[in-house]
């Protein structure tokens, strides 16, 4: 995602892409290109509905127990409609992602 030519724009782009790379590494994604961040529930729901035709066999939708119910349900329904896997990461007592799960 390119944000502009200003130095602060370049720094923001670099930080954003680094976060995608860290997230990809954390969940063992094939590429940072597979990582998509949304700003919140409404955008996530809209995004989920628009991706139904783009998901391929074997794609995984990664959700966490930390998600608000209104964000979980649309993704779970999408997974059911498309027969895709929906993986739910487990969080521990401190509400941190459990990497082993």
PDB file of N, CA and C in Angstrom:
ATOM      1  N   UNK A   1       0.858  -1.168   0.000  1.00  0.00           N
ATOM      2  CA  UNK A   1       0.000   0.000   0.000  1.00  0.00           C
ATOM      3  C   UNK A   1       0.901   1.226   0.000  1.00  0.00           C
ATOM      4  N   UNK A   2       0.849   1.988  -1.041  1.00  0.00           N
ATOM      5  CA  UNK A   2       1.660   3.200  -1.153  1.00  0.00           C
ATOM      6  C   UNK A   2       0.818   4.386  -0.717  1.00  0.00           C
ATOM      7  N   UNK A   3       1.340   5.193   0.209  1.00  0.00           N
ATOM      8  CA  UNK A   3       0.569   6.277   0.788  1.00  0.00           C
ATOM      9  C   UNK A   3       0.915   7.657   0.221  1.00  0.00           C
ATOM     10  N   UNK A   4       2.041   7.826  -0.429  1.00  0.00           N
ATOM     11  CA  UNK A   4       2.396   9.135  -0.967  1.00  0.00           C
ATOM     12  C   UNK A   4       3.896   9.288  -1.090  1.00  0.00           C
ATOM     13  N   UNK A   5       4.351  10.499  -1.451  1.00  0.00           N
ATOM     14  CA  UNK A   5       5.778  10.722  -1.664  1.00  0.00           C
ATOM     15  C   UNK A   5       6.457  11.423  -0.491  1.00  0.00           C
ATOM     16  N   UNK A   6       5.703  11.924   0.448  1.00  0.00           N
ATOM     17  CA  UNK A   6       6.265  12.604   1.610  1.00  0.00           C
ATOM     18  C   UNK A   6       7.003  11.593   2.494  1.00  0.00           C
ATOM     19  N   UNK A   7       8.028  12.027   3.193  1.00  0.00           N
ATOM     20  CA  UNK A   7       8.821  11.148   4.064  1.00  0.00           C
ATOM     21  C   UNK A   7       7.949  10.424   5.089  1.00  0.00           C
ATOM     22  N   UNK A   8       6.987  11.131   5.692  1.00  0.00           N
ATOM     23  CA  UNK A   8       6.102  10.470   6.660  1.00  0.00           C
ATOM     24  C   UNK A   8       5.239   9.403   5.990  1.00  0.00           C
ATOM     25  N   UNK A   9       4.838   9.652   4.758  1.00  0.00           N
ATOM     26  CA  UNK A   9       4.085   8.657   4.000  1.00  0.00           C
ATOM     27  C   UNK A   9       4.929   7.423   3.757  1.00  0.00           C
ATOM     28  N   UNK A  10       6.180   7.642   3.407  1.00  0.00           N
ATOM     29  CA  UNK A  10       7.094   6.516   3.181  1.00  0.00           C
ATOM     30  C   UNK A  10       7.305   5.711   4.455  1.00  0.00           C
ATOM     31  N   UNK A  11       7.449   6.387   5.580  1.00  0.00           N
ATOM     32  CA  UNK A  11       7.618   5.685   6.860  1.00  0.00           C
ATOM     33  C   UNK A  11       6.364   4.876   7.209  1.00  0.00           C
ATOM     34  N   UNK A  12       5.198   5.482   6.975  1.00  0.00           N
ATOM     35  CA  UNK A  12       3.943   4.781   7.265  1.00  0.00           C
ATOM     36  C   UNK A  12       3.808   3.542   6.391  1.00  0.00           C
ATOM     37  N   UNK A  13       4.146   3.652   5.117  1.00  0.00           N
ATOM     38  CA  UNK A  13       4.079   2.508   4.209  1.00  0.00           C
ATOM     39  C   UNK A  13       5.036   1.417   4.666  1.00  0.00           C
ATOM     40  N   UNK A  14       6.248   1.797   5.028  1.00  0.00           N
ATOM     41  CA  UNK A  14       7.241   0.821   5.487  1.00  0.00           C
ATOM     42  C   UNK A  14       6.765   0.112   6.751  1.00  0.00           C
ATOM     43  N   UNK A  15       6.222   0.859   7.701  1.00  0.00           N
ATOM     44  CA  UNK A  15       5.726   0.266   8.949  1.00  0.00           C
ATOM     45  C   UNK A  15       4.540  -0.663   8.686  1.00  0.00           C
ATOM     46  N   UNK A  16       3.638  -0.252   7.812  1.00  0.00           N
ATOM     47  CA  UNK A  16       2.459  -1.057   7.471  1.00  0.00           C
ATOM     48  C   UNK A  16       2.888  -2.385   6.840  1.00  0.00           C
ATOM     49  N   UNK A  17       3.768  -2.314   5.877  1.00  0.00           N
ATOM     50  CA  UNK A  17       4.231  -3.532   5.198  1.00  0.00           C
ATOM     51  C   UNK A  17       5.026  -4.427   6.146  1.00  0.00           C
ATOM     52  N   UNK A  18       5.775  -3.838   7.073  1.00  0.00           N
ATOM     53  CA  UNK A  18       6.502  -4.635   8.061  1.00  0.00           C
ATOM     54  C   UNK A  18       5.529  -5.362   8.987  1.00  0.00           C
ATOM     55  N   UNK A  19       4.432  -4.706   9.350  1.00  0.00           N
ATOM     56  CA  UNK A  19       3.409  -5.342  10.190  1.00  0.00           C
ATOM     57  C   UNK A  19       2.762  -6.506   9.454  1.00  0.00           C
ATOM     58  N   UNK A  20       2.490  -6.336   8.176  1.00  0.00           N
ATOM     59  CA  UNK A  20       1.936  -7.442   7.382  1.00  0.00           C
ATOM     60  C   UNK A  20       2.912  -8.603   7.321  1.00  0.00           C
ATOM     61  N   UNK A  21       4.193  -8.303   7.158  1.00  0.00           N
ATOM     62  CA  UNK A  21       5.208  -9.360   7.106  1.00  0.00           C
ATOM     63  C   UNK A  21       5.297 -10.097   8.441  1.00  0.00           C
ATOM     64  N   UNK A  22       5.247  -9.348   9.558  1.00  0.00           N
ATOM     65  CA  UNK A  22       5.284  -9.992  10.884  1.00  0.00           C
ATOM     66  C   UNK A  22       4.055 -10.862  11.099  1.00  0.00           C
ATOM     67  N   UNK A  23       2.881 -10.363  10.691  1.00  0.00           N
ATOM     68  CA  UNK A  23       1.653 -11.147  10.831  1.00  0.00           C
ATOM     69  C   UNK A  23       1.732 -12.415   9.982  1.00  0.00           C
ATOM     70  N   UNK A  24       2.243 -12.302   8.781  1.00  0.00           N
ATOM     71  CA  UNK A  24       2.382 -13.468   7.899  1.00  0.00           C
ATOM     72  C   UNK A  24       3.311 -14.508   8.525  1.00  0.00           C
ATOM     73  N   UNK A  25       4.403 -14.044   9.073  1.00  0.00           N
ATOM     74  CA  UNK A  25       5.342 -14.962   9.722  1.00  0.00           C
ATOM     75  C   UNK A  25       4.697 -15.615  10.942  1.00  0.00           C
ATOM     76  N   UNK A  26       3.948 -14.845  11.712  1.00  0.00           N
ATOM     77  CA  UNK A  26       3.314 -15.331  12.931  1.00  0.00           C
ATOM     78  C   UNK A  26       2.333 -16.463  12.644  1.00  0.00           C
ATOM     79  N   UNK A  27       1.570 -16.346  11.555  1.00  0.00           N
ATOM     80  CA  UNK A  27       0.570 -17.384  11.242  1.00  0.00           C
ATOM     81  C   UNK A  27       1.048 -18.324  10.140  1.00  0.00           C
ATOM     82  N   UNK A  28       2.327 -18.235   9.773  1.00  0.00           N
ATOM     83  CA  UNK A  28       2.916 -19.104   8.742  1.00  0.00           C
ATOM     84  C   UNK A  28       2.224 -18.965   7.389  1.00  0.00           C
ATOM     85  N   UNK A  29       1.852 -17.749   7.039  1.00  0.00           N
ATOM     86  CA  UNK A  29       1.267 -17.497   5.721  1.00  0.00           C
ATOM     87  C   UNK A  29       2.357 -17.639   4.659  1.00  0.00           C
ATOM     88  N   UNK A  30       1.961 -17.962   3.456  1.00  0.00           N
ATOM     89  CA  UNK A  30       2.940 -18.090   2.369  1.00  0.00           C
ATOM     90  C   UNK A  30       3.565 -16.748   2.011  1.00  0.00           C
ATOM     91  N   UNK A  31       2.803 -15.672   2.216  1.00  0.00           N
ATOM     92  CA  UNK A  31       3.265 -14.351   1.794  1.00  0.00           C
ATOM     93  C   UNK A  31       2.535 -13.270   2.594  1.00  0.00           C
ATOM     94  N   UNK A  32       3.177 -12.132   2.740  1.00  0.00           N
ATOM     95  CA  UNK A  32       2.523 -10.988   3.377  1.00  0.00           C
ATOM     96  C   UNK A  32       1.350 -10.494   2.534  1.00  0.00           C
ATOM     97  N   UNK A  33       1.343 -10.834   1.249  1.00  0.00           N
ATOM     98  CA  UNK A  33       0.227 -10.448   0.377  1.00  0.00           C
ATOM     99  C   UNK A  33      -1.077 -11.105   0.802  1.00  0.00           C
ATOM    100  N   UNK A  34      -1.011 -12.152   1.619  1.00  0.00           N
ATOM    101  CA  UNK A  34      -2.212 -12.837   2.092  1.00  0.00           C
ATOM    102  C   UNK A  34      -2.812 -12.168   3.320  1.00  0.00           C
ATOM    103  N   UNK A  35      -2.142 -11.163   3.857  1.00  0.00           N
ATOM    104  CA  UNK A  35      -2.571 -10.506   5.089  1.00  0.00           C
ATOM    105  C   UNK A  35      -3.343  -9.234   4.756  1.00  0.00           C
ATOM    106  N   UNK A  36      -4.542  -9.127   5.327  1.00  0.00           N
ATOM    107  CA  UNK A  36      -5.382  -7.947   5.112  1.00  0.00           C
ATOM    108  C   UNK A  36      -5.832  -7.438   6.474  1.00  0.00           C
ATOM    109  N   UNK A  37      -5.602  -6.182   6.740  1.00  0.00           N
ATOM    110  CA  UNK A  37      -6.082  -5.544   7.966  1.00  0.00           C
ATOM    111  C   UNK A  37      -7.315  -4.708   7.633  1.00  0.00           C
ATOM    112  N   UNK A  38      -8.298  -4.722   8.523  1.00  0.00           N
ATOM    113  CA  UNK A  38      -9.447  -3.834   8.366  1.00  0.00           C
ATOM    114  C   UNK A  38      -9.487  -2.886   9.556  1.00  0.00           C
ATOM    115  N   UNK A  39     -10.183  -1.766   9.394  1.00  0.00           N
ATOM    116  CA  UNK A  39     -10.231  -0.754  10.450  1.00  0.00           C
ATOM    117  C   UNK A  39     -11.219  -1.076  11.552  1.00  0.00           C
ATOM    118  N   UNK A  40     -12.141  -1.969  11.289  1.00  0.00           N
ATOM    119  CA  UNK A  40     -13.124  -2.284  12.315  1.00  0.00           C
ATOM    120  C   UNK A  40     -14.163  -3.265  11.808  1.00  0.00           C
ATOM    121  N   UNK A  41     -15.167  -3.475  12.620  1.00  0.00           N
ATOM    122  CA  UNK A  41     -16.181  -4.478  12.330  1.00  0.00           C
ATOM    123  C   UNK A  41     -16.924  -4.201  11.032  1.00  0.00           C
ATOM    124  N   UNK A  42     -17.391  -2.985  10.842  1.00  0.00           N
ATOM    125  CA  UNK A  42     -18.171  -2.682   9.642  1.00  0.00           C
ATOM    126  C   UNK A  42     -17.357  -2.929   8.382  1.00  0.00           C
ATOM    127  N   UNK A  43     -16.143  -2.456   8.376  1.00  0.00           N
ATOM    128  CA  UNK A  43     -15.298  -2.683   7.204  1.00  0.00           C
ATOM    129  C   UNK A  43     -15.000  -4.169   7.036  1.00  0.00           C
ATOM    130  N   UNK A  44     -14.787  -4.876   8.148  1.00  0.00           N
ATOM    131  CA  UNK A  44     -14.534  -6.310   8.087  1.00  0.00           C
ATOM    132  C   UNK A  44     -15.704  -7.080   7.506  1.00  0.00           C
ATOM    133  N   UNK A  45     -16.919  -6.714   7.907  1.00  0.00           N
ATOM    134  CA  UNK A  45     -18.121  -7.375   7.390  1.00  0.00           C
ATOM    135  C   UNK A  45     -18.271  -7.111   5.893  1.00  0.00           C
ATOM    136  N   UNK A  46     -18.109  -5.871   5.496  1.00  0.00           N
ATOM    137  CA  UNK A  46     -18.195  -5.531   4.076  1.00  0.00           C
ATOM    138  C   UNK A  46     -17.129  -6.278   3.288  1.00  0.00           C
ATOM    139  N   UNK A  47     -15.939  -6.308   3.833  1.00  0.00           N
ATOM    140  CA  UNK A  47     -14.825  -6.999   3.186  1.00  0.00           C
ATOM    141  C   UNK A  47     -15.117  -8.490   3.063  1.00  0.00           C
ATOM    142  N   UNK A  48     -15.629  -9.104   4.134  1.00  0.00           N
ATOM    143  CA  UNK A  48     -15.943 -10.537   4.123  1.00  0.00           C
ATOM    144  C   UNK A  48     -16.938 -10.852   3.027  1.00  0.00           C
ATOM    145  N   UNK A  49     -17.972 -10.040   2.918  1.00  0.00           N
ATOM    146  CA  UNK A  49     -18.992 -10.286   1.902  1.00  0.00           C
ATOM    147  C   UNK A  49     -18.461 -10.117   0.488  1.00  0.00           C
ATOM    148  N   UNK A  50     -17.506  -9.245   0.304  1.00  0.00           N
ATOM    149  CA  UNK A  50     -16.963  -9.024  -1.037  1.00  0.00           C
ATOM    150  C   UNK A  50     -15.958 -10.099  -1.436  1.00  0.00           C
ATOM    151  N   UNK A  51     -15.478 -10.877  -0.482  1.00  0.00           N
ATOM    152  CA  UNK A  51     -14.437 -11.873  -0.773  1.00  0.00           C
ATOM    153  C   UNK A  51     -14.980 -13.255  -1.086  1.00  0.00           C
ATOM    154  N   UNK A  52     -16.256 -13.441  -1.031  1.00  0.00           N
ATOM    155  CA  UNK A  52     -16.817 -14.780  -1.229  1.00  0.00           C
ATOM    156  C   UNK A  52     -16.343 -15.423  -2.529  1.00  0.00           C
ATOM    157  N   UNK A  53     -16.323 -14.667  -3.609  1.00  0.00           N
ATOM    158  CA  UNK A  53     -15.906 -15.234  -4.903  1.00  0.00           C
ATOM    159  C   UNK A  53     -14.393 -15.321  -5.045  1.00  0.00           C
ATOM    160  N   UNK A  54     -13.642 -14.660  -4.171  1.00  0.00           N
ATOM    161  CA  UNK A  54     -12.187 -14.629  -4.304  1.00  0.00           C
ATOM    162  C   UNK A  54     -11.491 -15.749  -3.541  1.00  0.00           C
ATOM    163  N   UNK A  55     -12.180 -16.331  -2.548  1.00  0.00           N
ATOM    164  CA  UNK A  55     -11.565 -17.400  -1.769  1.00  0.00           C
ATOM    165  C   UNK A  55     -11.426 -18.657  -2.609  1.00  0.00           C
ATOM    166  N   UNK A  56     -10.312 -19.348  -2.409  1.00  0.00           N
ATOM    167  CA  UNK A  56     -10.043 -20.580  -3.142  1.00  0.00           C
ATOM    168  C   UNK A  56     -10.032 -21.750  -2.175  1.00  0.00           C
ATOM    169  N   UNK A  57     -10.136 -22.927  -2.706  1.00  0.00           N
ATOM    170  CA  UNK A  57     -10.084 -24.131  -1.892  1.00  0.00           C
ATOM    171  C   UNK A  57      -8.783 -24.149  -1.096  1.00  0.00           C
ATOM    172  N   UNK A  58      -8.892 -24.431   0.176  1.00  0.00           N
ATOM    173  CA  UNK A  58      -7.719 -24.470   1.044  1.00  0.00           C
ATOM    174  C   UNK A  58      -7.423 -23.161   1.754  1.00  0.00           C
ATOM    175  N   UNK A  59      -8.078 -22.068   1.347  1.00  0.00           N
ATOM    176  CA  UNK A  59      -7.882 -20.792   2.035  1.00  0.00           C
ATOM    177  C   UNK A  59      -8.433 -20.895   3.455  1.00  0.00           C
ATOM    178  N   UNK A  60      -7.810 -20.198   4.359  1.00  0.00           N
ATOM    179  CA  UNK A  60      -8.217 -20.223   5.764  1.00  0.00           C
ATOM    180  C   UNK A  60      -8.554 -18.814   6.207  1.00  0.00           C
ATOM    181  N   UNK A  61      -9.645 -18.684   6.936  1.00  0.00           N
ATOM    182  CA  UNK A  61     -10.034 -17.410   7.537  1.00  0.00           C
ATOM    183  C   UNK A  61      -9.599 -17.482   8.993  1.00  0.00           C
ATOM    184  N   UNK A  62      -8.695 -16.633   9.393  1.00  0.00           N
ATOM    185  CA  UNK A  62      -8.162 -16.651  10.750  1.00  0.00           C
ATOM    186  C   UNK A  62      -8.919 -15.667  11.618  1.00  0.00           C
ATOM    187  N   UNK A  63      -9.525 -16.168  12.674  1.00  0.00           N
ATOM    188  CA  UNK A  63     -10.266 -15.349  13.626  1.00  0.00           C
ATOM    189  C   UNK A  63      -9.699 -15.593  15.016  1.00  0.00           C
ATOM    190  N   UNK A  64      -9.922 -14.668  15.911  1.00  0.00           N
ATOM    191  CA  UNK A  64      -9.489 -14.868  17.290  1.00  0.00           C
ATOM    192  C   UNK A  64     -10.681 -14.753  18.224  1.00  0.00           C
ATOM    193  N   UNK A  65     -10.528 -15.267  19.411  1.00  0.00           N
ATOM    194  CA  UNK A  65     -11.564 -15.148  20.431  1.00  0.00           C
ATOM    195  C   UNK A  65     -11.701 -13.707  20.912  1.00  0.00           C
ATOM    196  N   UNK A  66     -10.754 -12.861  20.542  1.00  0.00           N
ATOM    197  CA  UNK A  66     -10.781 -11.465  20.961  1.00  0.00           C
ATOM    198  C   UNK A  66     -11.701 -10.625  20.076  1.00  0.00           C
ATOM    199  N   UNK A  67     -12.162 -11.200  18.951  1.00  0.00           N
ATOM    200  CA  UNK A  67     -13.020 -10.465  18.037  1.00  0.00           C
ATOM    201  C   UNK A  67     -14.392 -10.250  18.666  1.00  0.00           C
ATOM    202  N   UNK A  68     -14.996  -9.135  18.341  1.00  0.00           N
ATOM    203  CA  UNK A  68     -16.366  -8.874  18.772  1.00  0.00           C
ATOM    204  C   UNK A  68     -17.291  -9.808  18.001  1.00  0.00           C
ATOM    205  N   UNK A  69     -18.341 -10.253  18.639  1.00  0.00           N
ATOM    206  CA  UNK A  69     -19.283 -11.191  18.029  1.00  0.00           C
ATOM    207  C   UNK A  69     -19.786 -10.696  16.674  1.00  0.00           C
ATOM    208  N   UNK A  70     -20.020  -9.401  16.556  1.00  0.00           N
ATOM    209  CA  UNK A  70     -20.528  -8.855  15.297  1.00  0.00           C
ATOM    210  C   UNK A  70     -19.497  -8.959  14.171  1.00  0.00           C
ATOM    211  N   UNK A  71     -18.239  -9.171  14.514  1.00  0.00           N
ATOM    212  CA  UNK A  71     -17.209  -9.377  13.495  1.00  0.00           C
ATOM    213  C   UNK A  71     -17.009 -10.868  13.227  1.00  0.00           C
ATOM    214  N   UNK A  72     -17.230 -11.713  14.212  1.00  0.00           N
ATOM    215  CA  UNK A  72     -17.044 -13.155  14.037  1.00  0.00           C
ATOM    216  C   UNK A  72     -18.089 -13.767  13.117  1.00  0.00           C
ATOM    217  N   UNK A  73     -19.333 -13.459  13.350  1.00  0.00           N
ATOM    218  CA  UNK A  73     -20.431 -14.139  12.665  1.00  0.00           C
ATOM    219  C   UNK A  73     -20.355 -14.016  11.138  1.00  0.00           C
ATOM    220  N   UNK A  74     -20.150 -12.830  10.555  1.00  0.00           N
ATOM    221  CA  UNK A  74     -20.095 -12.759   9.088  1.00  0.00           C
ATOM    222  C   UNK A  74     -18.986 -13.624   8.490  1.00  0.00           C
ATOM    223  N   UNK A  75     -17.843 -13.664   9.157  1.00  0.00           N
ATOM    224  CA  UNK A  75     -16.740 -14.491   8.657  1.00  0.00           C
ATOM    225  C   UNK A  75     -17.074 -15.973   8.791  1.00  0.00           C
ATOM    226  N   UNK A  76     -17.704 -16.369   9.897  1.00  0.00           N
ATOM    227  CA  UNK A  76     -18.087 -17.765  10.073  1.00  0.00           C
ATOM    228  C   UNK A  76     -19.133 -18.176   9.035  1.00  0.00           C
ATOM    229  N   UNK A  77     -20.093 -17.299   8.766  1.00  0.00           N
ATOM    230  CA  UNK A  77     -21.102 -17.596   7.754  1.00  0.00           C
ATOM    231  C   UNK A  77     -20.471 -17.696   6.370  1.00  0.00           C
ATOM    232  N   UNK A  78     -19.515 -16.829   6.078  1.00  0.00           N
ATOM    233  CA  UNK A  78     -18.804 -16.891   4.811  1.00  0.00           C
ATOM    234  C   UNK A  78     -18.084 -18.228   4.680  1.00  0.00           C
ATOM    235  N   UNK A  79     -17.432 -18.658   5.747  1.00  0.00           N
ATOM    236  CA  UNK A  79     -16.725 -19.945   5.726  1.00  0.00           C
ATOM    237  C   UNK A  79     -17.698 -21.095   5.478  1.00  0.00           C
ATOM    238  N   UNK A  80     -18.866 -21.038   6.079  1.00  0.00           N
ATOM    239  CA  UNK A  80     -19.868 -22.085   5.880  1.00  0.00           C
ATOM    240  C   UNK A  80     -20.410 -22.075   4.449  1.00  0.00           C
ATOM    241  N   UNK A  81     -20.710 -20.889   3.922  1.00  0.00           N
ATOM    242  CA  UNK A  81     -21.267 -20.787   2.570  1.00  0.00           C
ATOM    243  C   UNK A  81     -20.296 -21.269   1.508  1.00  0.00           C
ATOM    244  N   UNK A  82     -19.026 -21.052   1.730  1.00  0.00           N
ATOM    245  CA  UNK A  82     -18.028 -21.368   0.718  1.00  0.00           C
ATOM    246  C   UNK A  82     -17.289 -22.665   1.019  1.00  0.00           C
ATOM    247  N   UNK A  83     -17.674 -23.350   2.087  1.00  0.00           N
ATOM    248  CA  UNK A  83     -17.023 -24.602   2.493  1.00  0.00           C
ATOM    249  C   UNK A  83     -15.529 -24.401   2.715  1.00  0.00           C
ATOM    250  N   UNK A  84     -15.164 -23.234   3.199  1.00  0.00           N
ATOM    251  CA  UNK A  84     -13.767 -22.951   3.525  1.00  0.00           C
ATOM    252  C   UNK A  84     -13.536 -23.243   5.005  1.00  0.00           C
ATOM    253  N   UNK A  85     -12.304 -23.364   5.362  1.00  0.00           N
ATOM    254  CA  UNK A  85     -11.963 -23.579   6.764  1.00  0.00           C
ATOM    255  C   UNK A  85     -11.952 -22.258   7.505  1.00  0.00           C
ATOM    256  N   UNK A  86     -12.460 -22.269   8.715  1.00  0.00           N
ATOM    257  CA  UNK A  86     -12.408 -21.096   9.577  1.00  0.00           C
ATOM    258  C   UNK A  86     -11.608 -21.491  10.804  1.00  0.00           C
ATOM    259  N   UNK A  87     -10.437 -20.936  10.952  1.00  0.00           N
ATOM    260  CA  UNK A  87      -9.559 -21.275  12.055  1.00  0.00           C
ATOM    261  C   UNK A  87      -9.701 -20.224  13.139  1.00  0.00           C
ATOM    262  N   UNK A  88      -9.887 -20.661  14.343  1.00  0.00           N
ATOM    263  CA  UNK A  88     -10.060 -19.737  15.456  1.00  0.00           C
ATOM    264  C   UNK A  88      -8.901 -19.909  16.421  1.00  0.00           C
ATOM    265  N   UNK A  89      -8.081 -18.908  16.548  1.00  0.00           N
ATOM    266  CA  UNK A  89      -6.929 -18.970  17.441  1.00  0.00           C
ATOM    267  C   UNK A  89      -7.393 -18.827  18.888  1.00  0.00           C
ATOM    268  N   UNK A  90      -6.795 -19.575  19.763  1.00  0.00           N
ATOM    269  CA  UNK A  90      -7.167 -19.577  21.182  1.00  0.00           C
ATOM    270  C   UNK A  90      -6.333 -18.539  21.921  1.00  0.00           C
ATOM    271  N   UNK A  91      -6.974 -17.859  22.856  1.00  0.00           N
ATOM    272  CA  UNK A  91      -6.254 -16.907  23.697  1.00  0.00           C
ATOM    273  C   UNK A  91      -6.182 -17.453  25.108  1.00  0.00           C
ATOM    274  N   UNK A  92      -5.130 -17.100  25.798  1.00  0.00           N
ATOM    275  CA  UNK A  92      -4.957 -17.548  27.173  1.00  0.00           C
ATOM    276  C   UNK A  92      -5.624 -16.609  28.159  1.00  0.00           C
ATOM    277  N   UNK A  93      -5.332 -16.809  29.439  1.00  0.00           N
ATOM    278  CA  UNK A  93      -5.938 -16.009  30.500  1.00  0.00           C
ATOM    279  C   UNK A  93      -5.629 -14.516  30.376  1.00  0.00           C
ATOM    280  N   UNK A  94      -4.498 -14.192  29.762  1.00  0.00           N
ATOM    281  CA  UNK A  94      -4.086 -12.792  29.648  1.00  0.00           C
ATOM    282  C   UNK A  94      -4.584 -12.157  28.346  1.00  0.00           C
ATOM    283  N   UNK A  95      -5.468 -12.834  27.625  1.00  0.00           N
ATOM    284  CA  UNK A  95      -6.026 -12.352  26.361  1.00  0.00           C
ATOM    285  C   UNK A  95      -4.934 -12.105  25.318  1.00  0.00           C
ATOM    286  N   UNK A  96      -3.942 -12.980  25.303  1.00  0.00           N
ATOM    287  CA  UNK A  96      -2.885 -12.939  24.301  1.00  0.00           C
ATOM    288  C   UNK A  96      -3.040 -14.158  23.404  1.00  0.00           C
ATOM    289  N   UNK A  97      -2.660 -14.022  22.136  1.00  0.00           N
ATOM    290  CA  UNK A  97      -2.759 -15.155  21.229  1.00  0.00           C
ATOM    291  C   UNK A  97      -1.843 -16.278  21.699  1.00  0.00           C
ATOM    292  N   UNK A  98      -2.368 -17.478  21.660  1.00  0.00           N
ATOM    293  CA  UNK A  98      -1.608 -18.676  22.005  1.00  0.00           C
ATOM    294  C   UNK A  98      -1.014 -19.218  20.722  1.00  0.00           C
ATOM    295  N   UNK A  99       0.269 -19.017  20.512  1.00  0.00           N
ATOM    296  CA  UNK A  99       0.912 -19.411  19.255  1.00  0.00           C
ATOM    297  C   UNK A  99       0.852 -20.910  19.033  1.00  0.00           C
ATOM    298  N   UNK A 100       0.769 -21.691  20.094  1.00  0.00           N
ATOM    299  CA  UNK A 100       0.728 -23.147  19.950  1.00  0.00           C
ATOM    300  C   UNK A 100      -0.593 -23.636  19.388  1.00  0.00           C
ATOM    301  N   UNK A 101      -1.648 -22.855  19.529  1.00  0.00           N
ATOM    302  CA  UNK A 101      -2.949 -23.300  19.028  1.00  0.00           C
ATOM    303  C   UNK A 101      -3.063 -22.971  17.571  1.00  0.00           C
TER     304      UNK A 101
END
